[in-house]
């Protein structure tokens, strides 16, 4: 009941009491004595008036106390609002410092926020991230744990802890935290992807494949990320086959490679290792045929190198020549296989043949220092110093250009030896010869290979 309403009731009752005094019978009642204790008496009318006055005083006191409480609450809210604004302003300055790369300033601002509010959730998250970038892993873990205890239903601190433990190198704890996330939501595709990534990083391909199957299961029907997941699945399965091949489990590896190529005929590493598996089983002609098929499917010069190394390693130089000629006849554009044939002739000291083949490539490549280097060497050996000097002037940089340079088409990392997986970005099937031509790969008959990464 409002104070104003209560006062109106009191006044109405008081008015009724006053009106009652106008009647004789009521005057007798109101003038009668009302005893409180021995020797203390008041008339009934005075008693009623006293109680009414007491009621008014009590009501006024309660109302005043209530209004004072409301006033204090508003003051508290204003103070809390100002504090909150100051905290958010400080937090904003910290975020700006992070974006500008001023980690020390960011840490100072974040800690200033926590001095005002030790339970500021976003600050605990961001402070931990900054500490992680500065390799202060234990401190980062401490702040992210505090954030998790504040909001146990929020998975962001848990993902942050996974990153902390991974950066620290404690992969067991990182997987344990991911297990907790999956326990909270087993349909979390992000958690399964991260678990797949951790197993891949450790080379535990069997476990990575189990995680990949869960990704495929829970990401079914979703377009977002699906192609990348499929490529990762192919890459993981390839690694299982490669490990089997390295351990001498040739038949098992063979089955894996054939299954991969059935699903994706452009997966170059599977073509390479399929031939190697057949070679280990003593099926040399089938191995060579597998590499021929791989060249038809991918147009990759890596297979040309593989064929050359195979025949030269078996002391069959004529076989290597015939293999490269075979590849020249099986491609729409023969620029690269002809270059490899000319390089092979040079390697075998067949200088006239090398000069004839390599000279035919003039004008077909906009960037080919290897080609000019080889032509310069040939002219030099034939004592044609002027022609040799002209070719050497075309060499872009001084290096042992007879050794080809390889480049990752995904991240542009350069390496001196071909590998199935880029050591920098971890993408499969992206290492290629660094050989640029004026015409496009499609015109050369070399279809771009897809990216396979975890």
Protein backbone atom coordinates (compact mmCIF):
# COMPACT_ATOMS: atom_id res chain seq x y z
CA UNK A 1 0.00 0.00 0.00
CA UNK A 2 1.34 3.43 -0.94
CA UNK A 3 2.09 5.95 1.84
CA UNK A 4 -0.28 8.48 0.30
CA UNK A 5 -3.16 5.99 0.26
CA UNK A 6 -2.51 5.06 3.88
CA UNK A 7 -2.54 8.72 4.95
CA UNK A 8 -5.84 9.29 3.16
CA UNK A 9 -7.37 6.36 5.04
CA UNK A 10 -6.09 7.76 8.36
CA UNK A 11 -7.54 11.19 7.59
CA UNK A 12 -10.92 9.72 6.63
CA UNK A 13 -11.04 7.74 9.88
CA UNK A 14 -10.05 10.86 11.81
CA UNK A 15 -12.79 12.83 10.06
CA UNK A 16 -15.29 10.11 11.01
CA UNK A 17 -14.13 10.33 14.62
CA UNK A 18 -14.60 14.10 14.68
CA UNK A 19 -18.04 13.75 13.17
CA UNK A 20 -18.96 11.22 15.83
CA UNK A 21 -18.44 13.83 18.56
CA UNK A 22 -21.47 15.70 17.36
CA UNK A 23 -23.74 12.97 18.65
CA UNK A 24 -24.52 12.93 22.46
CA UNK A 25 -24.30 9.20 22.89
CA UNK A 26 -20.99 9.08 21.07
CA UNK A 27 -19.66 11.89 23.29
CA UNK A 28 -20.27 9.78 26.37
CA UNK A 29 -18.34 6.90 24.87
CA UNK A 30 -15.48 9.05 23.66
CA UNK A 31 -15.17 10.86 27.05
CA UNK A 32 -15.06 7.59 29.00
CA UNK A 33 -11.71 6.76 30.65
CA UNK A 34 -9.32 4.29 28.98
CA UNK A 35 -6.76 2.93 31.46
CA UNK A 36 -3.27 2.01 30.25
CA UNK A 37 -1.67 1.09 33.52
CA UNK A 38 -2.28 2.05 37.17
CA UNK A 39 -2.63 5.81 37.45
CA UNK A 40 -2.35 6.38 33.69
CA UNK A 41 -5.64 7.01 31.95
CA UNK A 42 -6.86 8.82 28.85
CA UNK A 43 -10.28 9.20 27.40
CA UNK A 44 -11.29 6.88 24.56
CA UNK A 45 -11.32 9.80 22.16
CA UNK A 46 -7.83 10.87 23.21
CA UNK A 47 -6.64 7.29 22.89
CA UNK A 48 -7.99 6.98 19.38
CA UNK A 49 -6.45 10.30 18.46
CA UNK A 50 -3.10 9.17 19.92
CA UNK A 51 -3.14 5.98 17.90
CA UNK A 52 -4.04 7.85 14.76
CA UNK A 53 -1.16 10.24 15.34
CA UNK A 54 1.18 7.29 15.98
CA UNK A 55 0.00 5.69 12.76
CA UNK A 56 0.67 8.89 10.87
CA UNK A 57 4.17 9.11 12.40
CA UNK A 58 4.96 5.48 11.61
CA UNK A 59 3.69 5.85 8.07
CA UNK A 60 5.71 8.98 7.55
CA UNK A 61 8.83 7.32 8.97
CA UNK A 62 8.39 4.25 6.73
CA UNK A 63 7.77 6.43 3.69
CA UNK A 64 10.80 8.54 4.45
CA UNK A 65 12.96 5.44 4.90
CA UNK A 66 11.65 4.05 1.63
CA UNK A 67 12.38 7.21 -0.27
CA UNK A 68 15.83 7.35 1.28
CA UNK A 69 16.42 3.75 0.14
CA UNK A 70 15.32 4.57 -3.41
CA UNK A 71 17.56 7.60 -3.44
CA UNK A 72 20.54 5.57 -2.21
CA UNK A 73 19.86 2.82 -4.77
CA UNK A 74 19.79 5.36 -7.60
CA UNK A 75 23.03 6.82 -6.32
CA UNK A 76 24.57 3.38 -6.17
CA UNK A 77 23.42 2.65 -9.71
CA UNK A 78 24.84 5.91 -10.99
CA UNK A 79 28.13 5.15 -9.28
CA UNK A 80 28.14 1.62 -10.67
CA UNK A 81 27.29 2.97 -14.11
CA UNK A 82 30.19 5.39 -14.00
CA UNK A 83 32.48 2.61 -12.85
CA UNK A 84 31.24 0.35 -15.63
CA UNK A 85 31.79 3.09 -18.21
CA UNK A 86 35.30 3.70 -16.91
CA UNK A 87 36.05 -0.04 -17.02
CA UNK A 88 34.75 -0.40 -20.57
CA UNK A 89 36.75 2.64 -21.63
CA UNK A 90 39.88 1.10 -20.16
CA UNK A 91 39.05 -2.22 -21.85
CA UNK A 92 38.60 -0.39 -25.17
CA UNK A 93 42.05 1.20 -24.80
CA UNK A 94 43.48 -2.27 -24.21
CA UNK A 95 41.89 -3.62 -27.39
CA UNK A 96 43.28 -0.70 -29.41
CA UNK A 97 46.74 -1.43 -28.00
CA UNK A 98 46.40 -5.07 -29.05
CA UNK A 99 45.40 -4.10 -32.58
CA UNK A 100 48.34 -1.71 -32.82
CA UNK A 101 50.78 -4.33 -31.58
CA UNK A 102 51.54 -2.58 -28.27
CA UNK A 103 51.37 -5.68 -26.09
CA UNK A 104 52.97 -4.07 -23.03
CA UNK A 105 50.40 -1.25 -23.03
CA UNK A 106 47.60 -3.75 -23.61
CA UNK A 107 48.69 -5.78 -20.58
CA UNK A 108 48.77 -2.65 -18.42
CA UNK A 109 45.25 -1.64 -19.51
CA UNK A 110 43.85 -5.14 -19.01
CA UNK A 111 45.34 -5.39 -15.54
CA UNK A 112 43.90 -1.96 -14.70
CA UNK A 113 40.47 -3.31 -15.64
CA UNK A 114 40.90 -6.33 -13.39
CA UNK A 115 41.90 -4.09 -10.49
CA UNK A 116 38.48 -2.46 -10.81
CA UNK A 117 36.60 -5.68 -11.62
CA UNK A 118 38.39 -8.99 -11.09
CA UNK A 119 35.47 -10.83 -12.73
CA UNK A 120 35.53 -8.98 -16.05
CA UNK A 121 35.05 -11.96 -18.38
CA UNK A 122 36.25 -10.49 -21.67
CA UNK A 123 39.35 -9.03 -20.06
CA UNK A 124 40.30 -12.41 -18.63
CA UNK A 125 39.99 -13.91 -22.13
CA UNK A 126 41.94 -11.22 -23.96
CA UNK A 127 44.61 -10.85 -21.30
CA UNK A 128 45.28 -14.58 -21.53
CA UNK A 129 45.59 -14.34 -25.31
CA UNK A 130 48.14 -11.52 -25.10
CA UNK A 131 50.15 -13.42 -22.50
CA UNK A 132 50.13 -16.45 -24.80
CA UNK A 133 51.61 -14.41 -27.65
CA UNK A 134 54.39 -13.40 -25.26
CA UNK A 135 55.03 -17.08 -24.43
CA UNK A 136 53.81 -16.61 -20.84
CA UNK A 137 51.79 -19.77 -21.06
CA UNK A 138 51.24 -20.48 -17.36
CA UNK A 139 49.84 -17.00 -16.74
CA UNK A 140 47.61 -17.30 -19.80
CA UNK A 141 46.30 -20.62 -18.52
CA UNK A 142 45.56 -19.10 -15.10
CA UNK A 143 43.44 -16.27 -16.55
CA UNK A 144 41.58 -18.55 -18.92
CA UNK A 145 40.79 -20.93 -16.07
CA UNK A 146 39.33 -18.01 -14.10
CA UNK A 147 37.19 -17.09 -17.10
CA UNK A 148 35.98 -20.68 -17.36
CA UNK A 149 34.99 -20.76 -13.68
CA UNK A 150 32.98 -17.57 -14.18
CA UNK A 151 31.00 -19.04 -17.09
CA UNK A 152 31.26 -22.78 -17.16
CA UNK A 153 28.66 -23.04 -19.93
CA UNK A 154 30.72 -20.79 -22.24
CA UNK A 155 33.22 -22.77 -24.35
CA UNK A 156 35.38 -19.79 -25.34
CA UNK A 157 37.69 -20.09 -22.29
CA UNK A 158 38.04 -23.80 -23.00
CA UNK A 159 39.08 -23.20 -26.60
CA UNK A 160 41.53 -20.59 -25.31
CA UNK A 161 42.96 -23.18 -22.90
CA UNK A 162 43.41 -25.59 -25.80
CA UNK A 163 45.46 -22.94 -27.61
CA UNK A 164 47.46 -22.24 -24.43
CA UNK A 165 48.39 -25.87 -23.87
CA UNK A 166 49.15 -26.38 -27.55
CA UNK A 167 51.46 -23.37 -27.60
CA UNK A 168 53.11 -24.66 -24.42
CA UNK A 169 53.62 -28.05 -26.03
CA UNK A 170 51.41 -29.89 -23.56
CA UNK A 171 49.39 -31.77 -26.15
CA UNK A 172 47.91 -34.22 -23.62
CA UNK A 173 46.23 -31.43 -21.67
CA UNK A 174 45.14 -29.73 -24.89
CA UNK A 175 43.38 -32.93 -25.95
CA UNK A 176 41.90 -33.33 -22.47
CA UNK A 177 40.31 -29.87 -22.64
CA UNK A 178 38.98 -30.65 -26.12
CA UNK A 179 37.48 -33.79 -24.65
CA UNK A 180 35.68 -31.61 -22.10
CA UNK A 181 34.33 -29.40 -24.88
CA UNK A 182 33.13 -32.45 -26.78
CA UNK A 183 31.58 -33.74 -23.55
CA UNK A 184 29.56 -30.52 -23.34
CA UNK A 185 28.61 -30.72 -27.02
CA UNK A 186 29.57 -33.83 -28.95
CA UNK A 187 28.19 -32.27 -32.15
CA UNK A 188 30.77 -29.47 -32.06
CA UNK A 189 32.42 -29.63 -35.48
CA UNK A 190 34.94 -26.97 -34.42
CA UNK A 191 36.11 -29.14 -31.52
CA UNK A 192 36.49 -32.23 -33.71
CA UNK A 193 38.39 -30.21 -36.30
CA UNK A 194 40.77 -28.93 -33.64
CA UNK A 195 41.26 -32.45 -32.30
CA UNK A 196 42.00 -33.60 -35.85
CA UNK A 197 44.55 -30.81 -36.15
CA UNK A 198 46.32 -31.78 -32.91
CA UNK A 199 46.57 -35.44 -33.91
CA UNK A 200 47.86 -34.42 -37.34
CA UNK A 201 50.48 -32.19 -35.77
CA UNK A 202 51.75 -35.14 -33.75
CA UNK A 203 51.66 -37.46 -36.75
CA UNK A 204 49.05 -39.66 -35.09
CA UNK A 205 47.18 -40.28 -38.34
CA UNK A 206 44.94 -43.07 -37.03
CA UNK A 207 43.53 -40.80 -34.32
CA UNK A 208 43.34 -37.93 -36.80
CA UNK A 209 41.23 -40.10 -39.09
CA UNK A 210 38.86 -40.94 -36.21
CA UNK A 211 38.40 -37.23 -35.57
CA UNK A 212 37.96 -36.64 -39.30
CA UNK A 213 35.13 -39.18 -39.40
CA UNK A 214 33.36 -37.29 -36.62
CA UNK A 215 33.83 -34.05 -38.57
CA UNK A 216 32.30 -35.66 -41.65
CA UNK A 217 29.46 -37.03 -39.55
CA UNK A 218 28.45 -33.81 -37.80
CA UNK A 219 29.27 -31.46 -40.69
CA UNK A 220 27.10 -33.45 -43.11
CA UNK A 221 24.88 -31.18 -45.14
CA UNK A 222 26.81 -28.03 -44.22
CA UNK A 223 28.44 -26.22 -47.12
CA UNK A 224 30.74 -24.12 -44.93
CA UNK A 225 34.13 -25.77 -44.59
CA UNK A 226 33.07 -28.97 -46.34
CA UNK A 227 35.60 -28.83 -49.23
CA UNK A 228 38.45 -28.16 -46.80
CA UNK A 229 37.29 -31.05 -44.60
CA UNK A 230 37.22 -33.37 -47.59
CA UNK A 231 40.73 -32.33 -48.59
CA UNK A 232 41.98 -32.88 -45.06
CA UNK A 233 40.40 -36.31 -45.04
CA UNK A 234 42.24 -37.22 -48.24
CA UNK A 235 45.50 -35.92 -46.85
CA UNK A 236 45.15 -37.88 -43.60
CA UNK A 237 44.31 -41.08 -45.48
CA UNK A 238 47.34 -40.52 -47.72
CA UNK A 239 49.59 -40.16 -44.65
CA UNK A 240 48.25 -43.45 -43.29
CA UNK A 241 49.20 -45.08 -46.59
CA UNK A 242 52.63 -43.41 -46.62
CA UNK A 243 53.32 -44.64 -43.07
CA UNK A 244 52.25 -48.14 -44.05
CA UNK A 245 54.60 -48.03 -47.04
CA UNK A 246 57.48 -46.85 -44.86
CA UNK A 247 56.84 -49.75 -42.45
CA UNK A 248 56.87 -52.30 -45.26
CA UNK A 249 53.12 -52.86 -45.28
CA UNK A 250 53.06 -52.53 -49.05
CA UNK A 251 49.72 -54.17 -49.82
CA UNK A 252 47.97 -52.07 -47.19
CA UNK A 253 49.57 -48.91 -48.59
CA UNK A 254 48.65 -49.92 -52.13
CA UNK A 255 44.98 -50.25 -51.18
CA UNK A 256 44.99 -46.83 -49.54
CA UNK A 257 46.57 -45.09 -52.54
CA UNK A 258 44.20 -46.71 -55.01
CA UNK A 259 41.19 -45.73 -52.95
CA UNK A 260 42.39 -42.12 -52.76
CA UNK A 261 42.95 -41.95 -56.53
CA UNK A 262 39.56 -43.46 -57.16
CA UNK A 263 38.01 -40.56 -55.24
CA UNK A 264 40.43 -37.89 -56.50
CA UNK A 265 42.56 -38.65 -59.54
CA UNK A 266 44.45 -35.37 -59.11
CA UNK A 267 46.08 -36.28 -55.80
CA UNK A 268 49.73 -36.22 -56.91
CA UNK A 269 51.39 -37.74 -53.78
CA UNK A 270 49.19 -40.85 -54.13
CA UNK A 271 50.30 -41.26 -57.76
CA UNK A 272 53.96 -41.01 -56.73
CA UNK A 273 53.68 -43.48 -53.85
CA UNK A 274 51.45 -45.88 -55.77
CA UNK A 275 54.32 -46.40 -58.19
CA UNK A 276 56.80 -46.75 -55.34
CA UNK A 277 54.63 -49.37 -53.68
CA UNK A 278 54.41 -51.35 -56.91
CA UNK A 279 58.19 -51.01 -57.33
CA UNK A 280 58.72 -52.45 -53.84
CA UNK A 281 56.52 -55.40 -54.75
CA UNK A 282 58.75 -56.09 -57.76
CA UNK A 283 56.17 -54.91 -60.28
CA UNK A 284 58.46 -52.47 -62.12
CA UNK A 285 56.45 -52.20 -65.33
CA UNK A 286 53.24 -51.60 -63.35
CA UNK A 287 55.04 -48.92 -61.33
CA UNK A 288 56.14 -47.10 -64.50
CA UNK A 289 52.64 -47.38 -65.90
CA UNK A 290 51.25 -45.93 -62.66
CA UNK A 291 53.53 -42.91 -63.06
CA UNK A 292 52.50 -42.54 -66.71
CA UNK A 293 48.87 -42.52 -65.60
CA UNK A 294 49.73 -40.00 -62.91
CA UNK A 295 51.30 -37.68 -65.46
CA UNK A 296 48.21 -37.95 -67.66
CA UNK A 297 45.96 -37.08 -64.71
CA UNK A 298 48.03 -34.25 -63.20
CA UNK A 299 50.52 -33.10 -65.84
CA UNK A 300 52.96 -32.62 -62.96
CA UNK A 301 56.71 -32.47 -63.71
CA UNK A 302 57.31 -34.13 -60.34
CA UNK A 303 56.38 -37.39 -62.03
CA UNK A 304 58.92 -36.64 -64.78
CA UNK A 305 61.60 -36.36 -62.09
CA UNK A 306 60.35 -39.58 -60.50
CA UNK A 307 60.60 -41.45 -63.81
CA UNK A 308 64.05 -40.04 -64.53
CA UNK A 309 65.38 -40.92 -61.08
CA UNK A 310 63.90 -44.42 -61.29
CA UNK A 311 65.58 -45.32 -64.59
CA UNK A 312 68.90 -43.60 -63.82
CA UNK A 313 68.95 -45.29 -60.42
CA UNK A 314 68.55 -48.64 -62.17
CA UNK A 315 71.31 -47.68 -64.67
CA UNK A 316 68.86 -47.50 -67.56
CA UNK A 317 69.53 -44.10 -69.17
CA UNK A 318 67.87 -45.11 -72.43
CA UNK A 319 64.82 -46.12 -70.43
CA UNK A 320 64.73 -42.65 -68.87
CA UNK A 321 64.93 -41.03 -72.32
CA UNK A 322 62.14 -43.20 -73.66
CA UNK A 323 60.00 -42.51 -70.60
CA UNK A 324 60.27 -38.73 -71.05
CA UNK A 325 59.59 -39.03 -74.77
CA UNK A 326 56.55 -41.12 -73.90
CA UNK A 327 55.31 -38.32 -71.62
CA UNK A 328 55.91 -35.72 -74.34
CA UNK A 329 53.60 -37.68 -76.60
CA UNK A 330 50.89 -37.91 -73.92
CA UNK A 331 50.38 -34.20 -73.18
CA UNK A 332 48.73 -31.43 -75.16
CA UNK A 333 51.54 -29.01 -74.40
CA UNK A 334 55.06 -30.42 -74.20
CA UNK A 335 57.00 -27.45 -72.79
CA UNK A 336 57.84 -28.98 -69.41
CA UNK A 337 58.48 -32.58 -70.52
CA UNK A 338 60.74 -31.27 -73.31
CA UNK A 339 62.66 -29.20 -70.78
CA UNK A 340 63.11 -32.29 -68.62
CA UNK A 341 64.25 -34.30 -71.64
CA UNK A 342 66.82 -31.62 -72.52
CA UNK A 343 68.01 -31.58 -68.90
CA UNK A 344 68.35 -35.35 -69.00
CA UNK A 345 70.39 -35.18 -72.23
CA UNK A 346 72.68 -32.66 -70.54
CA UNK A 347 72.98 -34.93 -67.52
CA UNK A 348 74.01 -37.78 -69.86
CA UNK A 349 76.52 -35.55 -71.72
CA UNK A 350 74.46 -35.80 -74.93
CA UNK A 351 75.11 -32.13 -75.68
CA UNK A 352 73.89 -31.97 -79.30
CA UNK A 353 70.59 -33.57 -78.38
CA UNK A 354 70.29 -31.34 -75.29
CA UNK A 355 70.94 -28.20 -77.35
CA UNK A 356 68.38 -29.17 -79.97
CA UNK A 357 65.64 -29.85 -77.44
CA UNK A 358 66.30 -26.88 -75.15
CA UNK A 359 66.74 -24.39 -77.98
CA UNK A 360 63.27 -25.27 -79.19
CA UNK A 361 61.90 -23.88 -75.91
CA UNK A 362 63.14 -20.32 -76.50
CA UNK A 363 60.25 -17.88 -76.16
CA UNK A 364 57.94 -20.44 -74.54
CA UNK A 365 58.83 -19.59 -70.93
CA UNK A 366 58.81 -16.11 -69.39
CA UNK A 367 60.73 -17.23 -66.30
CA UNK A 368 63.12 -20.17 -66.70
CA UNK A 369 66.63 -19.41 -65.40
CA UNK A 370 67.34 -23.15 -65.41
CA UNK A 371 66.77 -23.26 -69.15
CA UNK A 372 69.20 -20.42 -69.83
CA UNK A 373 71.73 -21.87 -67.43
CA UNK A 374 71.67 -25.23 -69.17
CA UNK A 375 71.96 -23.63 -72.60
CA UNK A 376 74.90 -21.56 -71.36
CA UNK A 377 76.64 -24.68 -70.06
CA UNK A 378 76.09 -26.48 -73.35
CA UNK A 379 77.51 -23.58 -75.39
CA UNK A 380 80.43 -23.33 -73.01
CA UNK A 381 81.30 -26.99 -73.43
CA UNK A 382 81.08 -26.60 -77.17
CA UNK A 383 83.47 -23.61 -76.92
CA UNK A 384 80.81 -21.18 -78.15
CA UNK A 385 81.72 -18.54 -75.58
CA UNK A 386 79.63 -15.74 -77.06
CA UNK A 387 76.45 -17.80 -77.02
CA UNK A 388 77.28 -19.05 -73.52
CA UNK A 389 77.75 -15.50 -72.23
CA UNK A 390 74.44 -14.44 -73.77
CA UNK A 391 72.63 -17.25 -71.99
CA UNK A 392 74.37 -16.55 -68.68
CA UNK A 393 73.24 -12.92 -68.86
CA UNK A 394 69.68 -14.21 -68.86
CA UNK A 395 70.15 -16.10 -65.64
CA UNK A 396 68.20 -14.20 -63.00
CA UNK A 397 70.25 -15.15 -59.95
CA UNK A 398 73.43 -16.98 -59.17
CA UNK A 399 72.80 -20.42 -57.73
CA UNK A 400 73.23 -24.02 -58.61
CA UNK A 401 70.37 -23.87 -61.11
CA UNK A 402 70.80 -27.41 -62.30
CA UNK A 403 69.10 -28.22 -58.99
CA UNK A 404 65.49 -27.17 -59.51
CA UNK A 405 63.68 -24.97 -57.03
CA UNK A 406 60.24 -26.01 -55.83
CA UNK A 407 57.46 -23.75 -54.60
CA UNK A 408 54.25 -24.24 -52.64
CA UNK A 409 51.30 -22.95 -54.63
CA UNK A 410 49.35 -22.46 -51.41
CA UNK A 411 51.77 -20.28 -49.40
CA UNK A 412 54.68 -19.62 -51.87
CA UNK A 413 57.23 -21.31 -49.60
CA UNK A 414 60.27 -22.43 -51.63
CA UNK A 415 62.13 -25.68 -51.00
CA UNK A 416 64.99 -27.42 -52.78
CA UNK A 417 63.46 -30.90 -52.78
CA UNK A 418 59.96 -32.03 -53.65
CA UNK A 419 57.82 -33.24 -50.76
CA UNK A 420 54.24 -34.42 -50.59
CA UNK A 421 53.39 -31.83 -47.93
CA UNK A 422 54.50 -28.22 -47.55
CA UNK A 423 56.71 -27.84 -44.44
CA UNK A 424 55.37 -24.31 -43.88
CA UNK A 425 51.59 -24.35 -44.36
CA UNK A 426 51.16 -28.15 -44.04
CA UNK A 427 49.15 -28.32 -47.28
CA UNK A 428 49.30 -31.55 -49.25
CA UNK A 429 49.72 -31.78 -53.02
CA UNK A 430 50.92 -28.19 -53.48
CA UNK A 431 54.70 -28.47 -54.01
CA UNK A 432 55.52 -27.84 -57.64
CA UNK A 433 58.49 -26.86 -59.80
CA UNK A 434 59.04 -23.10 -59.80
CA UNK A 435 58.75 -22.81 -63.58
CA UNK A 436 56.62 -19.93 -64.92
CA UNK A 437 55.37 -19.80 -68.46
CA UNK A 438 53.71 -17.14 -70.58
CA UNK A 439 50.76 -19.39 -71.30
CA UNK A 440 48.43 -20.64 -68.60
CA UNK A 441 48.62 -24.02 -66.90
CA UNK A 442 45.27 -24.95 -68.44
CA UNK A 443 46.68 -24.28 -71.91
CA UNK A 444 49.66 -26.43 -71.03
CA UNK A 445 47.39 -29.25 -70.01
CA UNK A 446 48.47 -28.90 -66.35
CA UNK A 447 45.34 -28.62 -64.26
CA UNK A 448 45.81 -26.83 -60.92
CA UNK A 449 45.88 -29.31 -58.06
CA UNK A 450 43.51 -28.80 -55.12
CA UNK A 451 44.79 -27.94 -51.65
CA UNK A 452 44.88 -30.68 -49.04
CA UNK A 453 45.44 -29.29 -45.55
CA UNK A 454 44.46 -30.09 -41.99
